[in-house]
Amino acid sequence: MANQYQLILVLSNNNGEEGVNALIDTVKAKVETAATIDALDNLGSKKLAYEIDDQREGTYVKVVFTAEGDFPKEIERVLKITEGVLRYLIVRVSE
């Protein structure tokens, strides 16, 4: 049975706006391989609470998607090795 999930990403601003947009497109394409994207919001650049990889700012992106229960582990695996992703969090949206 498919569940709805919310993914919050903090992306590096080192490559500028074009780099961030390319990274968002990459993540979107990966999610769409096995899930349906319900919403994708670029929340903009914000100051981080603490430095991550010597960076004080990051771009926040929220993705709401519907997928089977085993897909979040796969997207986590991909996000861990994707350069430019500073942090991420995936939670299941309660029904």
PDB file of N, CA and C in Angstrom:
ATOM      1  N   MET A   1       0.838  -1.189   0.000  1.00  0.00           N
ATOM      2  CA  MET A   1       0.000   0.000   0.000  1.00  0.00           C
ATOM      3  C   MET A   1       0.879   1.247   0.000  1.00  0.00           C
ATOM      4  N   ALA A   2       0.506   2.212  -0.790  1.00  0.00           N
ATOM      5  CA  ALA A   2       1.293   3.440  -0.905  1.00  0.00           C
ATOM      6  C   ALA A   2       1.003   4.384   0.258  1.00  0.00           C
ATOM      7  N   ASN A   3       2.056   5.045   0.704  1.00  0.00           N
ATOM      8  CA  ASN A   3       1.962   6.035   1.774  1.00  0.00           C
ATOM      9  C   ASN A   3       2.442   7.384   1.246  1.00  0.00           C
ATOM     10  N   GLN A   4       2.044   8.443   1.944  1.00  0.00           N
ATOM     11  CA  GLN A   4       2.507   9.771   1.567  1.00  0.00           C
ATOM     12  C   GLN A   4       3.663  10.156   2.483  1.00  0.00           C
ATOM     13  N   TYR A   5       4.724  10.716   1.889  1.00  0.00           N
ATOM     14  CA  TYR A   5       5.920  11.099   2.614  1.00  0.00           C
ATOM     15  C   TYR A   5       6.254  12.554   2.330  1.00  0.00           C
ATOM     16  N   GLN A   6       6.973  13.160   3.289  1.00  0.00           N
ATOM     17  CA  GLN A   6       7.455  14.518   3.112  1.00  0.00           C
ATOM     18  C   GLN A   6       8.969  14.494   3.254  1.00  0.00           C
ATOM     19  N   LEU A   7       9.649  15.041   2.260  1.00  0.00           N
ATOM     20  CA  LEU A   7      11.101  15.102   2.234  1.00  0.00           C
ATOM     21  C   LEU A   7      11.521  16.560   2.322  1.00  0.00           C
ATOM     22  N   ILE A   8      12.362  16.862   3.318  1.00  0.00           N
ATOM     23  CA  ILE A   8      12.926  18.203   3.445  1.00  0.00           C
ATOM     24  C   ILE A   8      14.414  18.099   3.139  1.00  0.00           C
ATOM     25  N   LEU A   9      14.889  18.922   2.219  1.00  0.00           N
ATOM     26  CA  LEU A   9      16.294  18.921   1.820  1.00  0.00           C
ATOM     27  C   LEU A   9      16.932  20.260   2.155  1.00  0.00           C
ATOM     28  N   VAL A  10      18.185  20.225   2.558  1.00  0.00           N
ATOM     29  CA  VAL A  10      18.994  21.434   2.678  1.00  0.00           C
ATOM     30  C   VAL A  10      20.125  21.259   1.673  1.00  0.00           C
ATOM     31  N   LEU A  11      20.140  22.129   0.667  1.00  0.00           N
ATOM     32  CA  LEU A  11      21.099  22.025  -0.423  1.00  0.00           C
ATOM     33  C   LEU A  11      22.168  23.106  -0.319  1.00  0.00           C
ATOM     34  N   SER A  12      23.350  22.790  -0.781  1.00  0.00           N
ATOM     35  CA  SER A  12      24.473  23.720  -0.771  1.00  0.00           C
ATOM     36  C   SER A  12      24.247  24.848  -1.771  1.00  0.00           C
ATOM     37  N   ASN A  13      24.629  26.061  -1.385  1.00  0.00           N
ATOM     38  CA  ASN A  13      24.535  27.218  -2.278  1.00  0.00           C
ATOM     39  C   ASN A  13      25.844  27.482  -3.009  1.00  0.00           C
ATOM     40  N   ASN A  14      26.842  26.607  -2.882  1.00  0.00           N
ATOM     41  CA  ASN A  14      28.171  26.845  -3.463  1.00  0.00           C
ATOM     42  C   ASN A  14      28.158  27.004  -4.977  1.00  0.00           C
ATOM     43  N   ASN A  15      27.270  26.326  -5.679  1.00  0.00           N
ATOM     44  CA  ASN A  15      27.247  26.377  -7.140  1.00  0.00           C
ATOM     45  C   ASN A  15      26.267  27.407  -7.685  1.00  0.00           C
ATOM     46  N   GLY A  16      25.753  28.261  -6.833  1.00  0.00           N
ATOM     47  CA  GLY A  16      24.844  29.307  -7.279  1.00  0.00           C
ATOM     48  C   GLY A  16      23.442  28.774  -7.533  1.00  0.00           C
ATOM     49  N   GLU A  17      22.600  29.648  -8.050  1.00  0.00           N
ATOM     50  CA  GLU A  17      21.202  29.305  -8.288  1.00  0.00           C
ATOM     51  C   GLU A  17      21.045  28.210  -9.346  1.00  0.00           C
ATOM     52  N   GLU A  18      21.878  28.259 -10.381  1.00  0.00           N
ATOM     53  CA  GLU A  18      21.797  27.237 -11.432  1.00  0.00           C
ATOM     54  C   GLU A  18      22.164  25.860 -10.887  1.00  0.00           C
ATOM     55  N   GLY A  19      23.161  25.802 -10.023  1.00  0.00           N
ATOM     56  CA  GLY A  19      23.560  24.539  -9.412  1.00  0.00           C
ATOM     57  C   GLY A  19      22.480  23.972  -8.518  1.00  0.00           C
ATOM     58  N   VAL A  20      21.830  24.852  -7.759  1.00  0.00           N
ATOM     59  CA  VAL A  20      20.734  24.419  -6.888  1.00  0.00           C
ATOM     60  C   VAL A  20      19.580  23.889  -7.728  1.00  0.00           C
ATOM     61  N   ASN A  21      19.225  24.598  -8.792  1.00  0.00           N
ATOM     62  CA  ASN A  21      18.132  24.146  -9.663  1.00  0.00           C
ATOM     63  C   ASN A  21      18.455  22.812 -10.320  1.00  0.00           C
ATOM     64  N   ALA A  22      19.705  22.610 -10.720  1.00  0.00           N
ATOM     65  CA  ALA A  22      20.112  21.339 -11.322  1.00  0.00           C
ATOM     66  C   ALA A  22      20.003  20.211 -10.296  1.00  0.00           C
ATOM     67  N   LEU A  23      20.380  20.495  -9.061  1.00  0.00           N
ATOM     68  CA  LEU A  23      20.297  19.495  -8.000  1.00  0.00           C
ATOM     69  C   LEU A  23      18.839  19.159  -7.677  1.00  0.00           C
ATOM     70  N   ILE A  24      17.978  20.155  -7.680  1.00  0.00           N
ATOM     71  CA  ILE A  24      16.544  19.921  -7.459  1.00  0.00           C
ATOM     72  C   ILE A  24      15.990  19.033  -8.579  1.00  0.00           C
ATOM     73  N   ASP A  25      16.370  19.309  -9.810  1.00  0.00           N
ATOM     74  CA  ASP A  25      15.917  18.486 -10.938  1.00  0.00           C
ATOM     75  C   ASP A  25      16.406  17.045 -10.809  1.00  0.00           C
ATOM     76  N   THR A  26      17.639  16.860 -10.332  1.00  0.00           N
ATOM     77  CA  THR A  26      18.192  15.520 -10.142  1.00  0.00           C
ATOM     78  C   THR A  26      17.400  14.750  -9.095  1.00  0.00           C
ATOM     79  N   VAL A  27      17.137  15.392  -7.968  1.00  0.00           N
ATOM     80  CA  VAL A  27      16.373  14.744  -6.891  1.00  0.00           C
ATOM     81  C   VAL A  27      14.954  14.452  -7.363  1.00  0.00           C
ATOM     82  N   LYS A  28      14.344  15.399  -8.075  1.00  0.00           N
ATOM     83  CA  LYS A  28      12.986  15.210  -8.589  1.00  0.00           C
ATOM     84  C   LYS A  28      12.919  14.005  -9.525  1.00  0.00           C
ATOM     85  N   ALA A  29      13.905  13.885 -10.409  1.00  0.00           N
ATOM     86  CA  ALA A  29      13.932  12.761 -11.351  1.00  0.00           C
ATOM     87  C   ALA A  29      14.083  11.436 -10.613  1.00  0.00           C
ATOM     88  N   LYS A  30      14.898  11.410  -9.573  1.00  0.00           N
ATOM     89  CA  LYS A  30      15.094  10.177  -8.820  1.00  0.00           C
ATOM     90  C   LYS A  30      13.820   9.782  -8.076  1.00  0.00           C
ATOM     91  N   VAL A  31      13.139  10.745  -7.486  1.00  0.00           N
ATOM     92  CA  VAL A  31      11.898  10.454  -6.763  1.00  0.00           C
ATOM     93  C   VAL A  31      10.840   9.949  -7.735  1.00  0.00           C
ATOM     94  N   GLU A  32      10.782  10.533  -8.921  1.00  0.00           N
ATOM     95  CA  GLU A  32       9.763  10.143  -9.898  1.00  0.00           C
ATOM     96  C   GLU A  32       9.978   8.752 -10.477  1.00  0.00           C
ATOM     97  N   THR A  33      11.135   8.125 -10.255  1.00  0.00           N
ATOM     98  CA  THR A  33      11.358   6.782 -10.777  1.00  0.00           C
ATOM     99  C   THR A  33      10.443   5.758 -10.123  1.00  0.00           C
ATOM    100  N   ALA A  34      10.091   5.984  -8.833  1.00  0.00           N
ATOM    101  CA  ALA A  34       9.265   4.998  -8.132  1.00  0.00           C
ATOM    102  C   ALA A  34       8.174   5.629  -7.287  1.00  0.00           C
ATOM    103  N   ALA A  35       7.931   6.916  -7.473  1.00  0.00           N
ATOM    104  CA  ALA A  35       6.919   7.599  -6.654  1.00  0.00           C
ATOM    105  C   ALA A  35       6.217   8.663  -7.485  1.00  0.00           C
ATOM    106  N   THR A  36       5.132   9.157  -6.930  1.00  0.00           N
ATOM    107  CA  THR A  36       4.388  10.256  -7.538  1.00  0.00           C
ATOM    108  C   THR A  36       4.594  11.501  -6.694  1.00  0.00           C
ATOM    109  N   ILE A  37       5.080  12.573  -7.304  1.00  0.00           N
ATOM    110  CA  ILE A  37       5.302  13.815  -6.572  1.00  0.00           C
ATOM    111  C   ILE A  37       3.981  14.561  -6.478  1.00  0.00           C
ATOM    112  N   ASP A  38       3.560  14.841  -5.242  1.00  0.00           N
ATOM    113  CA  ASP A  38       2.322  15.576  -5.000  1.00  0.00           C
ATOM    114  C   ASP A  38       2.574  17.086  -4.936  1.00  0.00           C
ATOM    115  N   ALA A  39       3.743  17.481  -4.410  1.00  0.00           N
ATOM    116  CA  ALA A  39       4.092  18.893  -4.305  1.00  0.00           C
ATOM    117  C   ALA A  39       5.599  19.036  -4.212  1.00  0.00           C
ATOM    118  N   LEU A  40       6.128  20.103  -4.807  1.00  0.00           N
ATOM    119  CA  LEU A  40       7.545  20.412  -4.707  1.00  0.00           C
ATOM    120  C   LEU A  40       7.667  21.914  -4.513  1.00  0.00           C
ATOM    121  N   ASP A  41       8.228  22.329  -3.388  1.00  0.00           N
ATOM    122  CA  ASP A  41       8.346  23.751  -3.070  1.00  0.00           C
ATOM    123  C   ASP A  41       9.793  24.090  -2.771  1.00  0.00           C
ATOM    124  N   ASN A  42      10.321  25.088  -3.473  1.00  0.00           N
ATOM    125  CA  ASN A  42      11.627  25.630  -3.154  1.00  0.00           C
ATOM    126  C   ASN A  42      11.379  26.733  -2.131  1.00  0.00           C
ATOM    127  N   LEU A  43      11.804  26.496  -0.890  1.00  0.00           N
ATOM    128  CA  LEU A  43      11.538  27.435   0.189  1.00  0.00           C
ATOM    129  C   LEU A  43      12.571  28.546   0.268  1.00  0.00           C
ATOM    130  N   GLY A  44      13.570  28.499  -0.581  1.00  0.00           N
ATOM    131  CA  GLY A  44      14.557  29.568  -0.658  1.00  0.00           C
ATOM    132  C   GLY A  44      15.758  29.351   0.236  1.00  0.00           C
ATOM    133  N   SER A  45      16.670  30.288   0.164  1.00  0.00           N
ATOM    134  CA  SER A  45      17.907  30.228   0.926  1.00  0.00           C
ATOM    135  C   SER A  45      17.682  30.794   2.319  1.00  0.00           C
ATOM    136  N   LYS A  46      18.178  30.074   3.318  1.00  0.00           N
ATOM    137  CA  LYS A  46      18.014  30.505   4.699  1.00  0.00           C
ATOM    138  C   LYS A  46      19.322  30.296   5.446  1.00  0.00           C
ATOM    139  N   LYS A  47      19.508  31.051   6.506  1.00  0.00           N
ATOM    140  CA  LYS A  47      20.676  30.899   7.368  1.00  0.00           C
ATOM    141  C   LYS A  47      20.518  29.613   8.171  1.00  0.00           C
ATOM    142  N   LEU A  48      21.589  28.822   8.246  1.00  0.00           N
ATOM    143  CA  LEU A  48      21.558  27.574   8.995  1.00  0.00           C
ATOM    144  C   LEU A  48      21.772  27.849  10.481  1.00  0.00           C
ATOM    145  N   ALA A  49      21.247  26.985  11.325  1.00  0.00           N
ATOM    146  CA  ALA A  49      21.411  27.145  12.768  1.00  0.00           C
ATOM    147  C   ALA A  49      22.863  26.932  13.177  1.00  0.00           C
ATOM    148  N   TYR A  50      23.585  26.111  12.437  1.00  0.00           N
ATOM    149  CA  TYR A  50      25.004  25.858  12.687  1.00  0.00           C
ATOM    150  C   TYR A  50      25.675  25.555  11.354  1.00  0.00           C
ATOM    151  N   GLU A  51      26.985  25.710  11.303  1.00  0.00           N
ATOM    152  CA  GLU A  51      27.712  25.473  10.059  1.00  0.00           C
ATOM    153  C   GLU A  51      27.678  24.001   9.687  1.00  0.00           C
ATOM    154  N   ILE A  52      27.463  23.737   8.408  1.00  0.00           N
ATOM    155  CA  ILE A  52      27.538  22.391   7.858  1.00  0.00           C
ATOM    156  C   ILE A  52      28.528  22.462   6.699  1.00  0.00           C
ATOM    157  N   ASP A  53      29.611  21.715   6.781  1.00  0.00           N
ATOM    158  CA  ASP A  53      30.650  21.732   5.744  1.00  0.00           C
ATOM    159  C   ASP A  53      31.122  23.153   5.444  1.00  0.00           C
ATOM    160  N   ASP A  54      31.363  23.926   6.491  1.00  0.00           N
ATOM    161  CA  ASP A  54      31.842  25.318   6.398  1.00  0.00           C
ATOM    162  C   ASP A  54      30.877  26.241   5.666  1.00  0.00           C
ATOM    163  N   GLN A  55      29.590  25.927   5.697  1.00  0.00           N
ATOM    164  CA  GLN A  55      28.587  26.771   5.045  1.00  0.00           C
ATOM    165  C   GLN A  55      27.614  27.294   6.092  1.00  0.00           C
ATOM    166  N   ARG A  56      27.250  28.545   5.947  1.00  0.00           N
ATOM    167  CA  ARG A  56      26.332  29.181   6.885  1.00  0.00           C
ATOM    168  C   ARG A  56      24.920  29.322   6.337  1.00  0.00           C
ATOM    169  N   GLU A  57      24.738  29.114   5.025  1.00  0.00           N
ATOM    170  CA  GLU A  57      23.417  29.207   4.395  1.00  0.00           C
ATOM    171  C   GLU A  57      23.170  27.993   3.517  1.00  0.00           C
ATOM    172  N   GLY A  58      21.887  27.676   3.347  1.00  0.00           N
ATOM    173  CA  GLY A  58      21.501  26.572   2.477  1.00  0.00           C
ATOM    174  C   GLY A  58      20.127  26.829   1.901  1.00  0.00           C
ATOM    175  N   THR A  59      19.832  26.169   0.809  1.00  0.00           N
ATOM    176  CA  THR A  59      18.523  26.280   0.175  1.00  0.00           C
ATOM    177  C   THR A  59      17.651  25.124   0.647  1.00  0.00           C
ATOM    178  N   TYR A  60      16.485  25.458   1.159  1.00  0.00           N
ATOM    179  CA  TYR A  60      15.548  24.459   1.665  1.00  0.00           C
ATOM    180  C   TYR A  60      14.533  24.110   0.582  1.00  0.00           C
ATOM    181  N   VAL A  61      14.280  22.803   0.430  1.00  0.00           N
ATOM    182  CA  VAL A  61      13.320  22.313  -0.563  1.00  0.00           C
ATOM    183  C   VAL A  61      12.425  21.295   0.118  1.00  0.00           C
ATOM    184  N   LYS A  62      11.113  21.407  -0.111  1.00  0.00           N
ATOM    185  CA  LYS A  62      10.144  20.452   0.437  1.00  0.00           C
ATOM    186  C   LYS A  62       9.509  19.686  -0.709  1.00  0.00           C
ATOM    187  N   VAL A  63       9.550  18.349  -0.602  1.00  0.00           N
ATOM    188  CA  VAL A  63       8.951  17.483  -1.610  1.00  0.00           C
ATOM    189  C   VAL A  63       7.959  16.568  -0.904  1.00  0.00           C
ATOM    190  N   VAL A  64       6.712  16.571  -1.358  1.00  0.00           N
ATOM    191  CA  VAL A  64       5.694  15.656  -0.840  1.00  0.00           C
ATOM    192  C   VAL A  64       5.445  14.634  -1.940  1.00  0.00           C
ATOM    193  N   PHE A  65       5.597  13.349  -1.592  1.00  0.00           N
ATOM    194  CA  PHE A  65       5.432  12.309  -2.597  1.00  0.00           C
ATOM    195  C   PHE A  65       4.708  11.102  -2.020  1.00  0.00           C
ATOM    196  N   THR A  66       4.125  10.308  -2.918  1.00  0.00           N
ATOM    197  CA  THR A  66       3.425   9.080  -2.558  1.00  0.00           C
ATOM    198  C   THR A  66       4.208   7.915  -3.132  1.00  0.00           C
ATOM    199  N   ALA A  67       4.529   6.941  -2.267  1.00  0.00           N
ATOM    200  CA  ALA A  67       5.335   5.805  -2.710  1.00  0.00           C
ATOM    201  C   ALA A  67       5.065   4.602  -1.825  1.00  0.00           C
ATOM    202  N   GLU A  68       5.580   3.460  -2.266  1.00  0.00           N
ATOM    203  CA  GLU A  68       5.509   2.243  -1.460  1.00  0.00           C
ATOM    204  C   GLU A  68       6.461   2.372  -0.280  1.00  0.00           C
ATOM    205  N   GLY A  69       6.275   1.530   0.728  1.00  0.00           N
ATOM    206  CA  GLY A  69       7.004   1.638   1.983  1.00  0.00           C
ATOM    207  C   GLY A  69       8.504   1.445   1.913  1.00  0.00           C
ATOM    208  N   ASP A  70       9.024   0.764   0.892  1.00  0.00           N
ATOM    209  CA  ASP A  70      10.461   0.523   0.813  1.00  0.00           C
ATOM    210  C   ASP A  70      11.219   1.625   0.067  1.00  0.00           C
ATOM    211  N   PHE A  71      10.520   2.539  -0.599  1.00  0.00           N
ATOM    212  CA  PHE A  71      11.182   3.563  -1.397  1.00  0.00           C
ATOM    213  C   PHE A  71      11.953   4.597  -0.579  1.00  0.00           C
ATOM    214  N   PRO A  72      11.470   5.045   0.590  1.00  0.00           N
ATOM    215  CA  PRO A  72      12.242   6.042   1.347  1.00  0.00           C
ATOM    216  C   PRO A  72      13.668   5.602   1.671  1.00  0.00           C
ATOM    217  N   LYS A  73      13.884   4.325   1.947  1.00  0.00           N
ATOM    218  CA  LYS A  73      15.252   3.850   2.204  1.00  0.00           C
ATOM    219  C   LYS A  73      16.125   4.006   0.966  1.00  0.00           C
ATOM    220  N   GLU A  74      15.568   3.770  -0.197  1.00  0.00           N
ATOM    221  CA  GLU A  74      16.326   3.915  -1.437  1.00  0.00           C
ATOM    222  C   GLU A  74      16.677   5.380  -1.699  1.00  0.00           C
ATOM    223  N   ILE A  75      15.719   6.280  -1.507  1.00  0.00           N
ATOM    224  CA  ILE A  75      16.010   7.701  -1.756  1.00  0.00           C
ATOM    225  C   ILE A  75      17.012   8.220  -0.722  1.00  0.00           C
ATOM    226  N   GLU A  76      16.959   7.720   0.518  1.00  0.00           N
ATOM    227  CA  GLU A  76      17.960   8.095   1.523  1.00  0.00           C
ATOM    228  C   GLU A  76      19.352   7.658   1.086  1.00  0.00           C
ATOM    229  N   ARG A  77      19.459   6.453   0.555  1.00  0.00           N
ATOM    230  CA  ARG A  77      20.748   5.949   0.089  1.00  0.00           C
ATOM    231  C   ARG A  77      21.313   6.863  -0.994  1.00  0.00           C
ATOM    232  N   VAL A  78      20.463   7.291  -1.910  1.00  0.00           N
ATOM    233  CA  VAL A  78      20.898   8.165  -2.995  1.00  0.00           C
ATOM    234  C   VAL A  78      21.285   9.546  -2.469  1.00  0.00           C
ATOM    235  N   LEU A  79      20.504  10.086  -1.542  1.00  0.00           N
ATOM    236  CA  LEU A  79      20.798  11.419  -1.008  1.00  0.00           C
ATOM    237  C   LEU A  79      22.105  11.446  -0.227  1.00  0.00           C
ATOM    238  N   LYS A  80      22.447  10.345   0.447  1.00  0.00           N
ATOM    239  CA  LYS A  80      23.705  10.281   1.209  1.00  0.00           C
ATOM    240  C   LYS A  80      24.913  10.459   0.305  1.00  0.00           C
ATOM    241  N   ILE A  81      24.846   9.974  -0.928  1.00  0.00           N
ATOM    242  CA  ILE A  81      25.995  10.034  -1.818  1.00  0.00           C
ATOM    243  C   ILE A  81      25.904  11.155  -2.852  1.00  0.00           C
ATOM    244  N   THR A  82      24.840  11.942  -2.808  1.00  0.00           N
ATOM    245  CA  THR A  82      24.674  13.039  -3.758  1.00  0.00           C
ATOM    246  C   THR A  82      25.410  14.274  -3.247  1.00  0.00           C
ATOM    247  N   GLU A  83      26.353  14.745  -4.041  1.00  0.00           N
ATOM    248  CA  GLU A  83      27.108  15.924  -3.649  1.00  0.00           C
ATOM    249  C   GLU A  83      26.210  17.155  -3.751  1.00  0.00           C
ATOM    250  N   GLY A  84      26.289  18.005  -2.744  1.00  0.00           N
ATOM    251  CA  GLY A  84      25.466  19.208  -2.716  1.00  0.00           C
ATOM    252  C   GLY A  84      24.293  19.103  -1.771  1.00  0.00           C
ATOM    253  N   VAL A  85      23.978  17.902  -1.301  1.00  0.00           N
ATOM    254  CA  VAL A  85      22.915  17.722  -0.311  1.00  0.00           C
ATOM    255  C   VAL A  85      23.563  17.794   1.069  1.00  0.00           C
ATOM    256  N   LEU A  86      23.254  18.849   1.822  1.00  0.00           N
ATOM    257  CA  LEU A  86      23.847  19.013   3.146  1.00  0.00           C
ATOM    258  C   LEU A  86      23.121  18.170   4.182  1.00  0.00           C
ATOM    259  N   ARG A  87      21.805  18.219   4.186  1.00  0.00           N
ATOM    260  CA  ARG A  87      20.992  17.449   5.125  1.00  0.00           C
ATOM    261  C   ARG A  87      19.663  17.104   4.457  1.00  0.00           C
ATOM    262  N   TYR A  88      19.007  16.070   4.995  1.00  0.00           N
ATOM    263  CA  TYR A  88      17.684  15.678   4.503  1.00  0.00           C
ATOM    264  C   TYR A  88      16.925  15.009   5.638  1.00  0.00           C
ATOM    265  N   LEU A  89      15.618  14.993   5.504  1.00  0.00           N
ATOM    266  CA  LEU A  89      14.750  14.314   6.463  1.00  0.00           C
ATOM    267  C   LEU A  89      13.515  13.834   5.712  1.00  0.00           C
ATOM    268  N   ILE A  90      13.197  12.555   5.881  1.00  0.00           N
ATOM    269  CA  ILE A  90      12.002  11.983   5.269  1.00  0.00           C
ATOM    270  C   ILE A  90      11.089  11.499   6.388  1.00  0.00           C
ATOM    271  N   VAL A  91       9.836  11.959   6.370  1.00  0.00           N
ATOM    272  CA  VAL A  91       8.858  11.510   7.348  1.00  0.00           C
ATOM    273  C   VAL A  91       7.576  11.084   6.618  1.00  0.00           C
ATOM    274  N   ARG A  92       6.904  10.109   7.201  1.00  0.00           N
ATOM    275  CA  ARG A  92       5.624   9.690   6.641  1.00  0.00           C
ATOM    276  C   ARG A  92       4.542  10.612   7.176  1.00  0.00           C
ATOM    277  N   VAL A  93       3.703  11.100   6.288  1.00  0.00           N
ATOM    278  CA  VAL A  93       2.613  11.997   6.675  1.00  0.00           C
ATOM    279  C   VAL A  93       1.490  11.126   7.237  1.00  0.00           C
ATOM    280  N   SER A  94       1.035  11.446   8.442  1.00  0.00           N
ATOM    281  CA  SER A  94      -0.026  10.651   9.055  1.00  0.00           C
ATOM    282  C   SER A  94      -1.337  10.879   8.321  1.00  0.00           C
ATOM    283  N   GLU A  95      -2.168   9.857   8.375  1.00  0.00           N
ATOM    284  CA  GLU A  95      -3.426   9.917   7.637  1.00  0.00           C
ATOM    285  C   GLU A  95      -4.574  10.329   8.510  1.00  0.00           C
TER     286      GLU A  95
END
